[in-house]
Amino acid sequence: MKKTDPIKVEEFIRVDHAGERGAIKIYEGQLLALNTLKKDESLKKTIEEMKVHEKEHSDYFENEIKKRNIKPTKFLPLWDLLGVGLGFGSTILGKKAAMLCTASVEEVIDEHYKDQINQLGSDENDLKEKIKKFRQDEIHHKDIAYEEGATKKGIYSVLDKVIKTGSKIAIKISEKI
């Protein structure tokens, strides 16, 4: 029976809590743009549906933070602000950019969750199963984003790299602080 390092579990829950909350903030920024400057009811409906999953994920990690007495990242206020800004900004650039934002973030999260699943032992089966389920939801969001027009062609390749780099930096910081 593989035991999980308790420090790792704390880091996983802290960063996943921040990440799922960040996803909600990105979607809130996108919805803000769609409710004010860019009218696209179909895209709005798609984003609202994905946000429901993120809320479920966020609520789970919020409960784990409290149950296990883990301190959330000190960067939550900054991540909230950057998430709303990223969501709003990407949507102002158009549907392809908004959907690429989702695809890029979800590609990072897919790898991130896969790495966590591989590190969790049988002593953390409940957490491991939740992360497996959430990973499938994130992969589904990525697939939806590509179906809705996300692309990495041309200038969008730069946006993809910026979003992925920012996501990876936020992960590294949130694990530790």
Protein backbone atom coordinates (compact mmCIF):
# COMPACT_ATOMS: atom_id res chain seq x y z
CA MET A 1 0.00 0.00 0.00
CA LYS A 2 1.54 3.26 -1.17
CA LYS A 3 1.22 6.05 1.40
CA THR A 4 0.92 9.62 0.22
CA ASP A 5 3.25 12.28 1.57
CA PRO A 6 1.00 14.50 3.78
CA ILE A 7 2.86 17.62 2.61
CA LYS A 8 2.01 16.70 -1.00
CA VAL A 9 -1.66 16.20 -0.12
CA GLU A 10 -1.75 19.64 1.46
CA GLU A 11 -0.13 21.18 -1.63
CA PHE A 12 -2.52 19.32 -3.96
CA ILE A 13 -5.60 20.53 -2.11
CA ARG A 14 -4.31 24.12 -1.79
CA VAL A 15 -3.45 24.41 -5.49
CA ASP A 16 -6.58 22.60 -6.70
CA HIS A 17 -8.73 24.86 -4.53
CA ALA A 18 -7.05 27.92 -6.08
CA GLY A 19 -7.26 26.49 -9.59
CA GLU A 20 -10.94 25.61 -9.49
CA ARG A 21 -11.75 28.98 -8.00
CA GLY A 22 -9.60 30.56 -10.74
CA ALA A 23 -11.59 28.71 -13.40
CA ILE A 24 -14.80 30.16 -11.99
CA LYS A 25 -13.26 33.63 -12.10
CA ILE A 26 -12.19 33.16 -15.74
CA TYR A 27 -15.74 32.14 -16.64
CA GLU A 28 -17.14 35.08 -14.65
CA GLY A 29 -14.89 37.41 -16.65
CA GLN A 30 -16.05 35.83 -19.89
CA LEU A 31 -19.69 36.15 -18.86
CA LEU A 32 -19.12 39.78 -17.88
CA ALA A 33 -17.85 40.49 -21.40
CA LEU A 34 -20.72 38.52 -22.94
CA ASN A 35 -23.30 40.39 -20.84
CA THR A 36 -21.90 43.84 -21.64
CA LEU A 37 -19.84 44.18 -24.80
CA LYS A 38 -20.03 40.95 -26.80
CA LYS A 39 -23.48 39.48 -27.28
CA ASP A 40 -23.31 35.75 -28.04
CA GLU A 41 -26.08 33.79 -26.33
CA SER A 42 -24.79 30.43 -27.56
CA LEU A 43 -21.30 31.02 -26.17
CA LYS A 44 -22.80 32.38 -22.96
CA LYS A 45 -24.81 29.17 -22.50
CA THR A 46 -21.71 27.00 -23.13
CA ILE A 47 -19.67 28.93 -20.58
CA GLU A 48 -22.46 28.87 -17.99
CA GLU A 49 -22.67 25.06 -18.33
CA MET A 50 -18.89 24.64 -17.85
CA LYS A 51 -18.96 27.01 -14.88
CA VAL A 52 -21.40 24.66 -13.10
CA HIS A 53 -18.76 21.89 -13.15
CA GLU A 54 -16.10 24.27 -11.87
CA LYS A 55 -18.40 25.28 -9.00
CA GLU A 56 -18.79 21.60 -8.04
CA HIS A 57 -14.99 21.16 -8.12
CA SER A 58 -14.40 24.37 -6.16
CA ASP A 59 -16.95 23.44 -3.50
CA TYR A 60 -15.26 20.06 -3.01
CA PHE A 61 -11.82 21.61 -2.50
CA GLU A 62 -13.27 24.38 -0.31
CA ASN A 63 -14.67 21.64 1.96
CA GLU A 64 -11.34 19.78 1.94
CA ILE A 65 -9.48 22.98 2.90
CA LYS A 66 -11.78 23.39 5.91
CA LYS A 67 -11.96 19.70 6.86
CA ARG A 68 -8.19 19.22 6.77
CA ASN A 69 -7.38 22.65 8.20
CA ILE A 70 -5.22 23.65 5.20
CA LYS A 71 -4.37 27.29 4.60
CA PRO A 72 -5.49 28.46 1.14
CA THR A 73 -2.92 30.18 -1.02
CA LYS A 74 -2.23 33.76 0.02
CA PHE A 75 -2.54 34.69 -3.65
CA LEU A 76 -6.31 34.04 -3.96
CA PRO A 77 -7.20 37.76 -4.28
CA LEU A 78 -4.61 38.20 -7.05
CA TRP A 79 -5.68 35.01 -8.84
CA ASP A 80 -9.32 36.20 -8.65
CA LEU A 81 -8.41 39.50 -10.28
CA LEU A 82 -6.21 37.90 -12.95
CA GLY A 83 -8.84 35.23 -13.67
CA VAL A 84 -11.60 37.77 -14.27
CA GLY A 85 -9.20 39.85 -16.38
CA LEU A 86 -8.12 36.86 -18.45
CA GLY A 87 -11.70 35.77 -19.03
CA PHE A 88 -12.88 39.26 -19.92
CA GLY A 89 -9.86 40.04 -22.10
CA SER A 90 -9.95 36.78 -24.03
CA THR A 91 -13.66 37.18 -24.75
CA ILE A 92 -13.22 40.77 -25.96
CA LEU A 93 -10.76 39.32 -28.52
CA GLY A 94 -13.55 37.10 -29.85
CA LYS A 95 -15.01 33.62 -29.60
CA LYS A 96 -11.85 31.84 -30.84
CA ALA A 97 -9.74 33.54 -28.16
CA ALA A 98 -12.33 32.90 -25.44
CA MET A 99 -12.46 29.22 -26.31
CA LEU A 100 -8.68 29.01 -26.64
CA CYS A 101 -8.46 30.40 -23.09
CA THR A 102 -10.52 27.43 -21.88
CA ALA A 103 -8.61 24.92 -24.01
CA SER A 104 -5.18 26.20 -22.91
CA VAL A 105 -6.03 26.21 -19.21
CA GLU A 106 -7.66 22.77 -19.41
CA GLU A 107 -4.63 21.28 -21.19
CA VAL A 108 -2.43 22.42 -18.30
CA ILE A 109 -4.94 21.13 -15.72
CA ASP A 110 -5.22 17.76 -17.48
CA GLU A 111 -1.47 17.20 -17.04
CA HIS A 112 -1.54 18.66 -13.53
CA TYR A 113 -4.34 16.33 -12.38
CA LYS A 114 -2.74 13.33 -14.09
CA ASP A 115 0.48 14.01 -12.16
CA GLN A 116 -1.45 14.24 -8.88
CA ILE A 117 -3.36 11.01 -9.56
CA ASN A 118 -0.04 9.22 -10.11
CA GLN A 119 1.33 10.49 -6.78
CA LEU A 120 -1.70 9.72 -4.60
CA GLY A 121 -1.60 6.45 -2.70
CA SER A 122 -4.39 4.15 -1.60
CA ASP A 123 -4.59 6.07 1.71
CA GLU A 124 -6.09 8.96 -0.31
CA ASN A 125 -8.51 6.98 -2.49
CA ASP A 126 -11.45 9.38 -2.05
CA LEU A 127 -9.32 12.37 -3.08
CA LYS A 128 -7.84 10.40 -5.96
CA GLU A 129 -11.28 9.39 -7.28
CA LYS A 130 -12.55 12.99 -7.08
CA ILE A 131 -9.52 14.26 -8.98
CA LYS A 132 -10.03 11.55 -11.64
CA LYS A 133 -13.65 12.66 -12.08
CA PHE A 134 -12.71 16.34 -12.17
CA ARG A 135 -9.98 15.60 -14.71
CA GLN A 136 -12.58 14.02 -16.99
CA ASP A 137 -14.75 17.14 -16.65
CA GLU A 138 -11.76 19.32 -17.59
CA ILE A 139 -10.95 17.18 -20.63
CA HIS A 140 -14.61 17.51 -21.66
CA HIS A 141 -14.35 21.32 -21.34
CA LYS A 142 -11.22 21.29 -23.52
CA ASP A 143 -13.06 19.23 -26.16
CA ILE A 144 -16.01 21.63 -26.09
CA ALA A 145 -13.63 24.57 -26.51
CA TYR A 146 -12.13 23.05 -29.67
CA GLU A 147 -15.60 22.18 -31.01
CA GLU A 148 -16.58 25.83 -30.42
CA GLY A 149 -13.66 27.20 -32.43
CA ALA A 150 -10.54 27.31 -30.25
CA THR A 151 -7.44 27.39 -32.42
CA LYS A 152 -3.68 27.72 -32.00
CA LYS A 153 -3.11 28.93 -35.54
CA GLY A 154 -1.36 32.23 -36.21
CA ILE A 155 -1.36 34.79 -33.42
CA TYR A 156 -3.44 32.45 -31.27
CA SER A 157 -0.32 30.33 -30.71
CA VAL A 158 1.13 33.25 -28.72
CA LEU A 159 -2.02 33.55 -26.61
CA ASP A 160 -1.88 29.79 -25.95
CA LYS A 161 1.73 30.03 -24.70
CA VAL A 162 0.99 33.06 -22.51
CA ILE A 163 -2.05 31.40 -20.89
CA LYS A 164 -0.24 28.09 -20.34
CA THR A 165 2.84 29.77 -18.89
CA GLY A 166 0.71 31.89 -16.56
CA SER A 167 -1.25 28.83 -15.45
CA LYS A 168 1.91 26.86 -14.70
CA ILE A 169 3.40 29.74 -12.72
CA ALA A 170 0.16 30.10 -10.71
CA ILE A 171 0.25 26.35 -9.96
CA LYS A 172 3.85 26.43 -8.70
CA ILE A 173 3.21 29.47 -6.49
CA SER A 174 -0.11 28.19 -5.12
CA GLU A 175 1.36 24.82 -4.13
CA LYS A 176 3.81 26.49 -1.77
CA ILE A 177 2.38 29.82 -0.62
